[in-house]
């Protein structure tokens, strides 16, 4: 399922079977064209940032929307989370590592990650 479709549906109203189906379908990992050009200034020369597909291997929850060219958190899209990672999307690549680390440390994301891992397992 595409990120744009996940954003349109109210994931809280989805049935357990539908959520399991989305989980089993995997996170959307399209090749997105996110490009930032940093102009030259006195302290540095100009440079360009682009999104590297290798981030998908490093961050298990990272997904992207090919329509908006933004990054999202797959588990927070399913269970609700910070607006930055579940509604608006991240499109600035500057300090992406610190943005990812900050999100991973958030209580809401950690709760969502646990719910995601337990989704579809037998309840006791």
PDB file of N, CA and C in Angstrom:
ATOM      1  N   UNK A   1       0.850  -1.173   0.000  1.00  0.00           N
ATOM      2  CA  UNK A   1       0.000   0.000   0.000  1.00  0.00           C
ATOM      3  C   UNK A   1       0.898   1.239   0.000  1.00  0.00           C
ATOM      4  N   UNK A   2       0.524   2.228  -0.771  1.00  0.00           N
ATOM      5  CA  UNK A   2       1.293   3.456  -0.864  1.00  0.00           C
ATOM      6  C   UNK A   2       1.059   4.339   0.358  1.00  0.00           C
ATOM      7  N   UNK A   3       2.021   5.194   0.644  1.00  0.00           N
ATOM      8  CA  UNK A   3       1.920   6.107   1.786  1.00  0.00           C
ATOM      9  C   UNK A   3       0.732   7.042   1.618  1.00  0.00           C
ATOM     10  N   UNK A   4       0.506   7.523   0.400  1.00  0.00           N
ATOM     11  CA  UNK A   4      -0.622   8.440   0.168  1.00  0.00           C
ATOM     12  C   UNK A   4      -1.953   7.758   0.496  1.00  0.00           C
ATOM     13  N   UNK A   5      -2.072   6.458   0.250  1.00  0.00           N
ATOM     14  CA  UNK A   5      -3.288   5.719   0.596  1.00  0.00           C
ATOM     15  C   UNK A   5      -3.399   5.531   2.105  1.00  0.00           C
ATOM     16  N   UNK A   6      -2.276   5.271   2.764  1.00  0.00           N
ATOM     17  CA  UNK A   6      -2.282   5.128   4.226  1.00  0.00           C
ATOM     18  C   UNK A   6      -2.676   6.439   4.905  1.00  0.00           C
ATOM     19  N   UNK A   7      -2.216   7.546   4.350  1.00  0.00           N
ATOM     20  CA  UNK A   7      -2.539   8.844   4.943  1.00  0.00           C
ATOM     21  C   UNK A   7      -4.021   9.182   4.771  1.00  0.00           C
ATOM     22  N   UNK A   8      -4.618   8.737   3.683  1.00  0.00           N
ATOM     23  CA  UNK A   8      -6.044   9.032   3.426  1.00  0.00           C
ATOM     24  C   UNK A   8      -6.970   8.230   4.318  1.00  0.00           C
ATOM     25  N   UNK A   9      -6.587   7.006   4.637  1.00  0.00           N
ATOM     26  CA  UNK A   9      -7.464   6.184   5.470  1.00  0.00           C
ATOM     27  C   UNK A   9      -7.196   6.452   6.945  1.00  0.00           C
ATOM     28  N   UNK A  10      -8.208   6.265   7.747  1.00  0.00           N
ATOM     29  CA  UNK A  10      -8.054   6.399   9.192  1.00  0.00           C
ATOM     30  C   UNK A  10      -7.619   5.039   9.717  1.00  0.00           C
ATOM     31  N   UNK A  11      -6.335   4.908   9.975  1.00  0.00           N
ATOM     32  CA  UNK A  11      -5.789   3.605  10.369  1.00  0.00           C
ATOM     33  C   UNK A  11      -6.329   3.118  11.705  1.00  0.00           C
ATOM     34  N   UNK A  12      -6.796   4.036  12.555  1.00  0.00           N
ATOM     35  CA  UNK A  12      -7.369   3.626  13.836  1.00  0.00           C
ATOM     36  C   UNK A  12      -8.685   2.877  13.654  1.00  0.00           C
ATOM     37  N   UNK A  13      -9.363   3.138  12.536  1.00  0.00           N
ATOM     38  CA  UNK A  13     -10.639   2.475  12.298  1.00  0.00           C
ATOM     39  C   UNK A  13     -10.490   1.173  11.499  1.00  0.00           C
ATOM     40  N   UNK A  14      -9.272   0.832  11.102  1.00  0.00           N
ATOM     41  CA  UNK A  14      -9.050  -0.404  10.357  1.00  0.00           C
ATOM     42  C   UNK A  14      -9.192  -1.602  11.280  1.00  0.00           C
ATOM     43  N   UNK A  15      -9.653  -2.693  10.718  1.00  0.00           N
ATOM     44  CA  UNK A  15      -9.769  -3.927  11.503  1.00  0.00           C
ATOM     45  C   UNK A  15      -8.387  -4.533  11.707  1.00  0.00           C
ATOM     46  N   UNK A  16      -8.306  -5.460  12.628  1.00  0.00           N
ATOM     47  CA  UNK A  16      -7.048  -6.147  12.896  1.00  0.00           C
ATOM     48  C   UNK A  16      -6.544  -6.852  11.640  1.00  0.00           C
ATOM     49  N   UNK A  17      -7.449  -7.484  10.915  1.00  0.00           N
ATOM     50  CA  UNK A  17      -7.070  -8.198   9.692  1.00  0.00           C
ATOM     51  C   UNK A  17      -6.505  -7.239   8.645  1.00  0.00           C
ATOM     52  N   UNK A  18      -7.092  -6.047   8.526  1.00  0.00           N
ATOM     53  CA  UNK A  18      -6.595  -5.070   7.564  1.00  0.00           C
ATOM     54  C   UNK A  18      -5.206  -4.564   7.950  1.00  0.00           C
ATOM     55  N   UNK A  19      -4.993  -4.337   9.250  1.00  0.00           N
ATOM     56  CA  UNK A  19      -3.681  -3.893   9.703  1.00  0.00           C
ATOM     57  C   UNK A  19      -2.620  -4.969   9.468  1.00  0.00           C
ATOM     58  N   UNK A  20      -2.990  -6.221   9.700  1.00  0.00           N
ATOM     59  CA  UNK A  20      -2.051  -7.322   9.456  1.00  0.00           C
ATOM     60  C   UNK A  20      -1.726  -7.413   7.972  1.00  0.00           C
ATOM     61  N   UNK A  21      -2.713  -7.204   7.143  1.00  0.00           N
ATOM     62  CA  UNK A  21      -2.500  -7.236   5.689  1.00  0.00           C
ATOM     63  C   UNK A  21      -1.529  -6.130   5.264  1.00  0.00           C
ATOM     64  N   UNK A  22      -1.688  -4.947   5.836  1.00  0.00           N
ATOM     65  CA  UNK A  22      -0.782  -3.834   5.518  1.00  0.00           C
ATOM     66  C   UNK A  22       0.629  -4.160   6.005  1.00  0.00           C
ATOM     67  N   UNK A  23       0.739  -4.720   7.201  1.00  0.00           N
ATOM     68  CA  UNK A  23       2.046  -5.100   7.743  1.00  0.00           C
ATOM     69  C   UNK A  23       2.710  -6.139   6.857  1.00  0.00           C
ATOM     70  N   UNK A  24       1.948  -7.159   6.464  1.00  0.00           N
ATOM     71  CA  UNK A  24       2.494  -8.221   5.617  1.00  0.00           C
ATOM     72  C   UNK A  24       2.887  -7.717   4.233  1.00  0.00           C
ATOM     73  N   UNK A  25       2.209  -6.671   3.773  1.00  0.00           N
ATOM     74  CA  UNK A  25       2.534  -6.084   2.468  1.00  0.00           C
ATOM     75  C   UNK A  25       3.868  -5.359   2.480  1.00  0.00           C
ATOM     76  N   UNK A  26       4.329  -5.011   3.656  1.00  0.00           N
ATOM     77  CA  UNK A  26       5.623  -4.335   3.772  1.00  0.00           C
ATOM     78  C   UNK A  26       5.511  -2.832   3.597  1.00  0.00           C
ATOM     79  N   UNK A  27       6.545  -2.176   4.023  1.00  0.00           N
ATOM     80  CA  UNK A  27       6.553  -0.713   3.929  1.00  0.00           C
ATOM     81  C   UNK A  27       6.902  -0.270   2.515  1.00  0.00           C
ATOM     82  N   UNK A  28       6.323   0.829   2.067  1.00  0.00           N
ATOM     83  CA  UNK A  28       6.646   1.340   0.730  1.00  0.00           C
ATOM     84  C   UNK A  28       8.045   1.954   0.715  1.00  0.00           C
ATOM     85  N   UNK A  29       8.887   1.470  -0.177  1.00  0.00           N
ATOM     86  CA  UNK A  29      10.263   1.957  -0.270  1.00  0.00           C
ATOM     87  C   UNK A  29      10.599   2.384  -1.698  1.00  0.00           C
ATOM     88  N   UNK A  30       9.871   3.370  -2.219  1.00  0.00           N
ATOM     89  CA  UNK A  30      10.144   3.794  -3.593  1.00  0.00           C
ATOM     90  C   UNK A  30      11.416   4.635  -3.673  1.00  0.00           C
ATOM     91  N   UNK A  31      11.921   4.751  -4.852  1.00  0.00           N
ATOM     92  CA  UNK A  31      13.047   5.645  -5.097  1.00  0.00           C
ATOM     93  C   UNK A  31      12.476   7.056  -5.214  1.00  0.00           C
ATOM     94  N   UNK A  32      12.714   7.870  -4.208  1.00  0.00           N
ATOM     95  CA  UNK A  32      12.162   9.228  -4.202  1.00  0.00           C
ATOM     96  C   UNK A  32      13.244  10.228  -4.569  1.00  0.00           C
ATOM     97  N   UNK A  33      12.817  11.277  -5.204  1.00  0.00           N
ATOM     98  CA  UNK A  33      13.739  12.301  -5.659  1.00  0.00           C
ATOM     99  C   UNK A  33      13.712  13.465  -4.671  1.00  0.00           C
ATOM    100  N   UNK A  34      14.445  13.313  -3.576  1.00  0.00           N
ATOM    101  CA  UNK A  34      14.571  14.389  -2.605  1.00  0.00           C
ATOM    102  C   UNK A  34      15.954  14.983  -2.803  1.00  0.00           C
ATOM    103  N   UNK A  35      15.986  16.240  -3.173  1.00  0.00           N
ATOM    104  CA  UNK A  35      17.231  16.901  -3.521  1.00  0.00           C
ATOM    105  C   UNK A  35      17.288  18.251  -2.830  1.00  0.00           C
ATOM    106  N   UNK A  36      18.391  18.523  -2.171  1.00  0.00           N
ATOM    107  CA  UNK A  36      18.623  19.822  -1.543  1.00  0.00           C
ATOM    108  C   UNK A  36      19.956  20.350  -2.033  1.00  0.00           C
ATOM    109  N   UNK A  37      19.960  21.602  -2.446  1.00  0.00           N
ATOM    110  CA  UNK A  37      21.203  22.235  -2.875  1.00  0.00           C
ATOM    111  C   UNK A  37      21.545  23.320  -1.872  1.00  0.00           C
ATOM    112  N   UNK A  38      22.702  23.198  -1.276  1.00  0.00           N
ATOM    113  CA  UNK A  38      23.180  24.170  -0.305  1.00  0.00           C
ATOM    114  C   UNK A  38      24.101  25.143  -1.043  1.00  0.00           C
ATOM    115  N   UNK A  39      23.727  26.413  -1.136  1.00  0.00           N
ATOM    116  CA  UNK A  39      24.587  27.365  -1.844  1.00  0.00           C
ATOM    117  C   UNK A  39      25.887  27.634  -1.077  1.00  0.00           C
ATOM    118  N   UNK A  40      26.846  28.129  -1.801  1.00  0.00           N
ATOM    119  CA  UNK A  40      28.136  28.445  -1.197  1.00  0.00           C
ATOM    120  C   UNK A  40      28.009  29.660  -0.281  1.00  0.00           C
ATOM    121  N   UNK A  41      28.833  29.681   0.744  1.00  0.00           N
ATOM    122  CA  UNK A  41      28.950  30.852   1.618  1.00  0.00           C
ATOM    123  C   UNK A  41      30.416  30.970   2.013  1.00  0.00           C
ATOM    124  N   UNK A  42      30.710  31.844   2.915  1.00  0.00           N
ATOM    125  CA  UNK A  42      32.105  32.077   3.292  1.00  0.00           C
ATOM    126  C   UNK A  42      32.761  30.844   3.907  1.00  0.00           C
ATOM    127  N   UNK A  43      31.987  30.050   4.633  1.00  0.00           N
ATOM    128  CA  UNK A  43      32.578  28.924   5.360  1.00  0.00           C
ATOM    129  C   UNK A  43      32.629  27.606   4.576  1.00  0.00           C
ATOM    130  N   UNK A  44      31.881  27.485   3.501  1.00  0.00           N
ATOM    131  CA  UNK A  44      31.913  26.218   2.748  1.00  0.00           C
ATOM    132  C   UNK A  44      31.558  26.440   1.274  1.00  0.00           C
ATOM    133  N   UNK A  45      31.904  25.450   0.507  1.00  0.00           N
ATOM    134  CA  UNK A  45      31.587  25.476  -0.924  1.00  0.00           C
ATOM    135  C   UNK A  45      30.172  24.924  -1.128  1.00  0.00           C
ATOM    136  N   UNK A  46      29.594  25.121  -2.295  1.00  0.00           N
ATOM    137  CA  UNK A  46      28.237  24.586  -2.513  1.00  0.00           C
ATOM    138  C   UNK A  46      28.255  23.054  -2.549  1.00  0.00           C
ATOM    139  N   UNK A  47      27.176  22.446  -2.092  1.00  0.00           N
ATOM    140  CA  UNK A  47      27.064  20.995  -2.167  1.00  0.00           C
ATOM    141  C   UNK A  47      25.595  20.605  -2.288  1.00  0.00           C
ATOM    142  N   UNK A  48      25.396  19.345  -2.618  1.00  0.00           N
ATOM    143  CA  UNK A  48      24.058  18.846  -2.885  1.00  0.00           C
ATOM    144  C   UNK A  48      23.794  17.614  -2.019  1.00  0.00           C
ATOM    145  N   UNK A  49      22.598  17.558  -1.424  1.00  0.00           N
ATOM    146  CA  UNK A  49      22.166  16.387  -0.657  1.00  0.00           C
ATOM    147  C   UNK A  49      21.096  15.673  -1.465  1.00  0.00           C
ATOM    148  N   UNK A  50      21.209  14.352  -1.534  1.00  0.00           N
ATOM    149  CA  UNK A  50      20.181  13.548  -2.182  1.00  0.00           C
ATOM    150  C   UNK A  50      19.841  12.379  -1.271  1.00  0.00           C
ATOM    151  N   UNK A  51      18.644  11.845  -1.431  1.00  0.00           N
ATOM    152  CA  UNK A  51      18.230  10.698  -0.623  1.00  0.00           C
ATOM    153  C   UNK A  51      18.878   9.438  -1.167  1.00  0.00           C
ATOM    154  N   UNK A  52      19.496   8.679  -0.278  1.00  0.00           N
ATOM    155  CA  UNK A  52      20.159   7.438  -0.635  1.00  0.00           C
ATOM    156  C   UNK A  52      19.260   6.262  -0.248  1.00  0.00           C
ATOM    157  N   UNK A  53      19.022   5.350  -1.178  1.00  0.00           N
ATOM    158  CA  UNK A  53      18.168   4.194  -0.914  1.00  0.00           C
ATOM    159  C   UNK A  53      18.731   3.285   0.187  1.00  0.00           C
ATOM    160  N   UNK A  54      19.986   3.420   0.522  1.00  0.00           N
ATOM    161  CA  UNK A  54      20.588   2.644   1.591  1.00  0.00           C
ATOM    162  C   UNK A  54      19.982   2.942   2.959  1.00  0.00           C
ATOM    163  N   UNK A  55      19.300   4.080   3.094  1.00  0.00           N
ATOM    164  CA  UNK A  55      18.635   4.412   4.357  1.00  0.00           C
ATOM    165  C   UNK A  55      17.550   3.410   4.691  1.00  0.00           C
ATOM    166  N   UNK A  56      16.936   2.813   3.678  1.00  0.00           N
ATOM    167  CA  UNK A  56      15.896   1.808   3.933  1.00  0.00           C
ATOM    168  C   UNK A  56      16.470   0.602   4.679  1.00  0.00           C
ATOM    169  N   UNK A  57      17.715   0.242   4.400  1.00  0.00           N
ATOM    170  CA  UNK A  57      18.347  -0.893   5.080  1.00  0.00           C
ATOM    171  C   UNK A  57      18.756  -0.523   6.506  1.00  0.00           C
ATOM    172  N   UNK A  58      19.113   0.736   6.717  1.00  0.00           N
ATOM    173  CA  UNK A  58      19.591   1.179   8.029  1.00  0.00           C
ATOM    174  C   UNK A  58      18.449   1.415   9.016  1.00  0.00           C
ATOM    175  N   UNK A  59      17.308   1.881   8.523  1.00  0.00           N
ATOM    176  CA  UNK A  59      16.196   2.259   9.398  1.00  0.00           C
ATOM    177  C   UNK A  59      14.983   1.415   9.020  1.00  0.00           C
ATOM    178  N   UNK A  60      14.621   0.467   9.897  1.00  0.00           N
ATOM    179  CA  UNK A  60      13.591  -0.530   9.577  1.00  0.00           C
ATOM    180  C   UNK A  60      12.208   0.068   9.374  1.00  0.00           C
ATOM    181  N   UNK A  61      11.938   1.243   9.919  1.00  0.00           N
ATOM    182  CA  UNK A  61      10.603   1.836   9.859  1.00  0.00           C
ATOM    183  C   UNK A  61      10.465   2.913   8.791  1.00  0.00           C
ATOM    184  N   UNK A  62      11.549   3.275   8.144  1.00  0.00           N
ATOM    185  CA  UNK A  62      11.540   4.370   7.179  1.00  0.00           C
ATOM    186  C   UNK A  62      10.811   3.960   5.897  1.00  0.00           C
ATOM    187  N   UNK A  63       9.910   4.813   5.455  1.00  0.00           N
ATOM    188  CA  UNK A  63       9.243   4.604   4.180  1.00  0.00           C
ATOM    189  C   UNK A  63       9.112   5.970   3.507  1.00  0.00           C
ATOM    190  N   UNK A  64       8.650   5.984   2.273  1.00  0.00           N
ATOM    191  CA  UNK A  64       8.593   7.243   1.544  1.00  0.00           C
ATOM    192  C   UNK A  64       7.360   7.301   0.662  1.00  0.00           C
ATOM    193  N   UNK A  65       6.955   8.521   0.366  1.00  0.00           N
ATOM    194  CA  UNK A  65       5.831   8.757  -0.535  1.00  0.00           C
ATOM    195  C   UNK A  65       6.385   9.248  -1.865  1.00  0.00           C
ATOM    196  N   UNK A  66       6.132   8.496  -2.906  1.00  0.00           N
ATOM    197  CA  UNK A  66       6.659   8.871  -4.215  1.00  0.00           C
ATOM    198  C   UNK A  66       5.895  10.040  -4.829  1.00  0.00           C
ATOM    199  N   UNK A  67       4.678  10.296  -4.360  1.00  0.00           N
ATOM    200  CA  UNK A  67       3.899  11.418  -4.879  1.00  0.00           C
ATOM    201  C   UNK A  67       4.367  12.747  -4.293  1.00  0.00           C
ATOM    202  N   UNK A  68       4.665  12.748  -2.986  1.00  0.00           N
ATOM    203  CA  UNK A  68       5.056  13.977  -2.296  1.00  0.00           C
ATOM    204  C   UNK A  68       6.567  14.137  -2.159  1.00  0.00           C
ATOM    205  N   UNK A  69       7.327  13.057  -2.393  1.00  0.00           N
ATOM    206  CA  UNK A  69       8.779  13.048  -2.212  1.00  0.00           C
ATOM    207  C   UNK A  69       9.137  13.439  -0.784  1.00  0.00           C
ATOM    208  N   UNK A  70       8.543  12.710   0.167  1.00  0.00           N
ATOM    209  CA  UNK A  70       8.787  12.926   1.593  1.00  0.00           C
ATOM    210  C   UNK A  70       8.968  11.588   2.285  1.00  0.00           C
ATOM    211  N   UNK A  71       9.642  11.621   3.427  1.00  0.00           N
ATOM    212  CA  UNK A  71       9.911  10.424   4.215  1.00  0.00           C
ATOM    213  C   UNK A  71       8.924  10.332   5.367  1.00  0.00           C
ATOM    214  N   UNK A  72       8.549   9.104   5.734  1.00  0.00           N
ATOM    215  CA  UNK A  72       7.578   8.852   6.796  1.00  0.00           C
ATOM    216  C   UNK A  72       8.031   7.684   7.648  1.00  0.00           C
ATOM    217  N   UNK A  73       7.398   7.557   8.812  1.00  0.00           N
ATOM    218  CA  UNK A  73       7.600   6.410   9.691  1.00  0.00           C
ATOM    219  C   UNK A  73       6.430   5.444   9.450  1.00  0.00           C
ATOM    220  N   UNK A  74       6.732   4.244   8.988  1.00  0.00           N
ATOM    221  CA  UNK A  74       5.695   3.273   8.642  1.00  0.00           C
ATOM    222  C   UNK A  74       4.852   2.883   9.854  1.00  0.00           C
ATOM    223  N   UNK A  75       5.500   2.641  10.993  1.00  0.00           N
ATOM    224  CA  UNK A  75       4.732   2.219  12.174  1.00  0.00           C
ATOM    225  C   UNK A  75       3.874   3.351  12.720  1.00  0.00           C
ATOM    226  N   UNK A  76       4.347   4.589  12.625  1.00  0.00           N
ATOM    227  CA  UNK A  76       3.548   5.722  13.106  1.00  0.00           C
ATOM    228  C   UNK A  76       2.426   6.073  12.132  1.00  0.00           C
ATOM    229  N   UNK A  77       2.585   5.729  10.866  1.00  0.00           N
ATOM    230  CA  UNK A  77       1.478   5.890   9.918  1.00  0.00           C
ATOM    231  C   UNK A  77       0.331   4.951  10.296  1.00  0.00           C
ATOM    232  N   UNK A  78       0.672   3.749  10.755  1.00  0.00           N
ATOM    233  CA  UNK A  78      -0.343   2.763  11.109  1.00  0.00           C
ATOM    234  C   UNK A  78      -1.008   3.043  12.453  1.00  0.00           C
ATOM    235  N   UNK A  79      -0.219   3.493  13.427  1.00  0.00           N
ATOM    236  CA  UNK A  79      -0.740   3.625  14.784  1.00  0.00           C
ATOM    237  C   UNK A  79      -0.859   5.064  15.274  1.00  0.00           C
ATOM    238  N   UNK A  80      -0.485   6.021  14.453  1.00  0.00           N
ATOM    239  CA  UNK A  80      -0.556   7.430  14.850  1.00  0.00           C
ATOM    240  C   UNK A  80       0.710   7.832  15.577  1.00  0.00           C
ATOM    241  N   UNK A  81       1.176   9.012  15.295  1.00  0.00           N
ATOM    242  CA  UNK A  81       2.404   9.465  15.924  1.00  0.00           C
ATOM    243  C   UNK A  81       2.604  10.945  15.714  1.00  0.00           C
ATOM    244  N   UNK A  82       3.849  11.373  15.786  1.00  0.00           N
ATOM    245  CA  UNK A  82       4.141  12.792  15.610  1.00  0.00           C
ATOM    246  C   UNK A  82       3.763  13.227  14.198  1.00  0.00           C
ATOM    247  N   UNK A  83       3.267  14.439  14.098  1.00  0.00           N
ATOM    248  CA  UNK A  83       2.837  14.953  12.800  1.00  0.00           C
ATOM    249  C   UNK A  83       3.972  14.965  11.784  1.00  0.00           C
ATOM    250  N   UNK A  84       5.157  15.244  12.260  1.00  0.00           N
ATOM    251  CA  UNK A  84       6.315  15.344  11.371  1.00  0.00           C
ATOM    252  C   UNK A  84       6.558  14.036  10.606  1.00  0.00           C
ATOM    253  N   UNK A  85       6.439  12.907  11.277  1.00  0.00           N
ATOM    254  CA  UNK A  85       6.744  11.615  10.664  1.00  0.00           C
ATOM    255  C   UNK A  85       5.511  10.847  10.191  1.00  0.00           C
ATOM    256  N   UNK A  86       4.298  11.262  10.585  1.00  0.00           N
ATOM    257  CA  UNK A  86       3.126  10.483  10.189  1.00  0.00           C
ATOM    258  C   UNK A  86       2.109  11.262   9.354  1.00  0.00           C
ATOM    259  N   UNK A  87       2.183  12.577   9.331  1.00  0.00           N
ATOM    260  CA  UNK A  87       1.212  13.355   8.563  1.00  0.00           C
ATOM    261  C   UNK A  87       1.869  14.260   7.528  1.00  0.00           C
ATOM    262  N   UNK A  88       2.861  15.032   7.949  1.00  0.00           N
ATOM    263  CA  UNK A  88       3.500  16.001   7.057  1.00  0.00           C
ATOM    264  C   UNK A  88       4.618  15.379   6.232  1.00  0.00           C
ATOM    265  N   UNK A  89       5.401  14.537   6.849  1.00  0.00           N
ATOM    266  CA  UNK A  89       6.540  13.938   6.185  1.00  0.00           C
ATOM    267  C   UNK A  89       7.780  14.803   6.311  1.00  0.00           C
ATOM    268  N   UNK A  90       8.922  14.174   6.241  1.00  0.00           N
ATOM    269  CA  UNK A  90      10.205  14.867   6.331  1.00  0.00           C
ATOM    270  C   UNK A  90      10.743  15.038   4.922  1.00  0.00           C
ATOM    271  N   UNK A  91      11.063  16.267   4.581  1.00  0.00           N
ATOM    272  CA  UNK A  91      11.582  16.511   3.240  1.00  0.00           C
ATOM    273  C   UNK A  91      12.919  17.234   3.251  1.00  0.00           C
ATOM    274  N   UNK A  92      13.362  17.730   4.412  1.00  0.00           N
ATOM    275  CA  UNK A  92      14.690  18.321   4.513  1.00  0.00           C
ATOM    276  C   UNK A  92      15.671  17.245   4.952  1.00  0.00           C
ATOM    277  N   UNK A  93      16.700  17.047   4.171  1.00  0.00           N
ATOM    278  CA  UNK A  93      17.680  16.014   4.475  1.00  0.00           C
ATOM    279  C   UNK A  93      18.756  16.502   5.434  1.00  0.00           C
ATOM    280  N   UNK A  94      18.800  17.786   5.679  1.00  0.00           N
ATOM    281  CA  UNK A  94      19.793  18.329   6.596  1.00  0.00           C
ATOM    282  C   UNK A  94      19.540  17.754   7.990  1.00  0.00           C
ATOM    283  N   UNK A  95      20.574  17.209   8.584  1.00  0.00           N
ATOM    284  CA  UNK A  95      20.532  16.595   9.911  1.00  0.00           C
ATOM    285  C   UNK A  95      19.513  15.444   9.987  1.00  0.00           C
ATOM    286  N   UNK A  96      19.419  14.665   8.906  1.00  0.00           N
ATOM    287  CA  UNK A  96      18.479  13.544   8.864  1.00  0.00           C
ATOM    288  C   UNK A  96      18.789  12.516   9.953  1.00  0.00           C
ATOM    289  N   UNK A  97      20.051  12.270  10.207  1.00  0.00           N
ATOM    290  CA  UNK A  97      20.431  11.287  11.231  1.00  0.00           C
ATOM    291  C   UNK A  97      19.893  11.701  12.597  1.00  0.00           C
ATOM    292  N   UNK A  98      20.048  12.971  12.951  1.00  0.00           N
ATOM    293  CA  UNK A  98      19.558  13.416  14.263  1.00  0.00           C
ATOM    294  C   UNK A  98      18.034  13.412  14.310  1.00  0.00           C
ATOM    295  N   UNK A  99      17.370  13.687  13.200  1.00  0.00           N
ATOM    296  CA  UNK A  99      15.903  13.623  13.154  1.00  0.00           C
ATOM    297  C   UNK A  99      15.425  12.193  13.371  1.00  0.00           C
ATOM    298  N   UNK A 100      16.103  11.251  12.738  1.00  0.00           N
ATOM    299  CA  UNK A 100      15.748   9.842  12.882  1.00  0.00           C
ATOM    300  C   UNK A 100      15.987   9.386  14.322  1.00  0.00           C
ATOM    301  N   UNK A 101      17.133   9.733  14.880  1.00  0.00           N
ATOM    302  CA  UNK A 101      17.449   9.330  16.260  1.00  0.00           C
ATOM    303  C   UNK A 101      16.465   9.922  17.252  1.00  0.00           C
ATOM    304  N   UNK A 102      16.098  11.180  17.060  1.00  0.00           N
ATOM    305  CA  UNK A 102      15.137  11.824  17.960  1.00  0.00           C
ATOM    306  C   UNK A 102      13.779  11.132  17.881  1.00  0.00           C
ATOM    307  N   UNK A 103      13.366  10.785  16.660  1.00  0.00           N
ATOM    308  CA  UNK A 103      12.082  10.106  16.498  1.00  0.00           C
ATOM    309  C   UNK A 103      12.094   8.727  17.137  1.00  0.00           C
ATOM    310  N   UNK A 104      13.194   7.991  16.953  1.00  0.00           N
ATOM    311  CA  UNK A 104      13.291   6.645  17.532  1.00  0.00           C
ATOM    312  C   UNK A 104      13.247   6.664  19.055  1.00  0.00           C
ATOM    313  N   UNK A 105      13.686   7.742  19.665  1.00  0.00           N
ATOM    314  CA  UNK A 105      13.696   7.848  21.124  1.00  0.00           C
ATOM    315  C   UNK A 105      12.370   8.329  21.690  1.00  0.00           C
ATOM    316  N   UNK A 106      11.471   8.787  20.832  1.00  0.00           N
ATOM    317  CA  UNK A 106      10.191   9.287  21.331  1.00  0.00           C
ATOM    318  C   UNK A 106       9.349   8.135  21.887  1.00  0.00           C
ATOM    319  N   UNK A 107       8.631   8.432  22.950  1.00  0.00           N
ATOM    320  CA  UNK A 107       7.805   7.425  23.609  1.00  0.00           C
ATOM    321  C   UNK A 107       6.733   6.889  22.677  1.00  0.00           C
ATOM    322  N   UNK A 108       6.112   7.775  21.926  1.00  0.00           N
ATOM    323  CA  UNK A 108       5.029   7.361  21.020  1.00  0.00           C
ATOM    324  C   UNK A 108       5.551   6.383  19.964  1.00  0.00           C
ATOM    325  N   UNK A 109       6.712   6.681  19.378  1.00  0.00           N
ATOM    326  CA  UNK A 109       7.271   5.786  18.366  1.00  0.00           C
ATOM    327  C   UNK A 109       7.619   4.433  18.973  1.00  0.00           C
ATOM    328  N   UNK A 110       8.210   4.429  20.154  1.00  0.00           N
ATOM    329  CA  UNK A 110       8.574   3.167  20.792  1.00  0.00           C
ATOM    330  C   UNK A 110       7.338   2.325  21.088  1.00  0.00           C
ATOM    331  N   UNK A 111       6.278   2.974  21.545  1.00  0.00           N
ATOM    332  CA  UNK A 111       5.020   2.269  21.790  1.00  0.00           C
ATOM    333  C   UNK A 111       4.470   1.702  20.473  1.00  0.00           C
ATOM    334  N   UNK A 112       4.507   2.520  19.415  1.00  0.00           N
ATOM    335  CA  UNK A 112       4.026   2.072  18.104  1.00  0.00           C
ATOM    336  C   UNK A 112       4.862   0.915  17.565  1.00  0.00           C
ATOM    337  N   UNK A 113       6.174   0.973  17.780  1.00  0.00           N
ATOM    338  CA  UNK A 113       7.057  -0.094  17.294  1.00  0.00           C
ATOM    339  C   UNK A 113       6.738  -1.421  17.988  1.00  0.00           C
ATOM    340  N   UNK A 114       6.455  -1.367  19.270  1.00  0.00           N
ATOM    341  CA  UNK A 114       6.081  -2.581  20.006  1.00  0.00           C
ATOM    342  C   UNK A 114       4.743  -3.111  19.497  1.00  0.00           C
ATOM    343  N   UNK A 115       3.777  -2.212  19.315  1.00  0.00           N
ATOM    344  CA  UNK A 115       2.463  -2.623  18.791  1.00  0.00           C
ATOM    345  C   UNK A 115       2.601  -3.241  17.412  1.00  0.00           C
ATOM    346  N   UNK A 116       3.500  -2.677  16.580  1.00  0.00           N
ATOM    347  CA  UNK A 116       3.719  -3.186  15.240  1.00  0.00           C
ATOM    348  C   UNK A 116       4.316  -4.588  15.292  1.00  0.00           C
ATOM    349  N   UNK A 117       5.295  -4.797  16.173  1.00  0.00           N
ATOM    350  CA  UNK A 117       5.930  -6.119  16.283  1.00  0.00           C
ATOM    351  C   UNK A 117       4.945  -7.163  16.782  1.00  0.00           C
ATOM    352  N   UNK A 118       4.035  -6.777  17.666  1.00  0.00           N
ATOM    353  CA  UNK A 118       3.063  -7.711  18.231  1.00  0.00           C
ATOM    354  C   UNK A 118       1.845  -7.921  17.327  1.00  0.00           C
ATOM    355  N   UNK A 119       1.685  -7.068  16.332  1.00  0.00           N
ATOM    356  CA  UNK A 119       0.534  -7.148  15.432  1.00  0.00           C
ATOM    357  C   UNK A 119       0.526  -8.489  14.701  1.00  0.00           C
ATOM    358  N   UNK A 120      -0.532  -9.216  14.871  1.00  0.00           N
ATOM    359  CA  UNK A 120      -0.686 -10.499  14.193  1.00  0.00           C
ATOM    360  C   UNK A 120      -0.184 -11.693  14.995  1.00  0.00           C
ATOM    361  N   UNK A 121       0.391 -11.440  16.163  1.00  0.00           N
ATOM    362  CA  UNK A 121       0.819 -12.556  17.007  1.00  0.00           C
ATOM    363  C   UNK A 121      -0.336 -12.942  17.911  1.00  0.00           C
ATOM    364  N   UNK A 122      -0.260 -14.107  18.459  1.00  0.00           N
ATOM    365  CA  UNK A 122      -1.318 -14.589  19.351  1.00  0.00           C
ATOM    366  C   UNK A 122      -1.314 -13.791  20.650  1.00  0.00           C
ATOM    367  N   UNK A 123      -2.483 -13.415  21.087  1.00  0.00           N
ATOM    368  CA  UNK A 123      -2.568 -12.727  22.383  1.00  0.00           C
ATOM    369  C   UNK A 123      -2.725 -13.780  23.479  1.00  0.00           C
ATOM    370  N   UNK A 124      -2.204 -13.462  24.623  1.00  0.00           N
ATOM    371  CA  UNK A 124      -2.239 -14.417  25.745  1.00  0.00           C
ATOM    372  C   UNK A 124      -3.447 -14.129  26.604  1.00  0.00           C
TER     373      UNK A 124
END
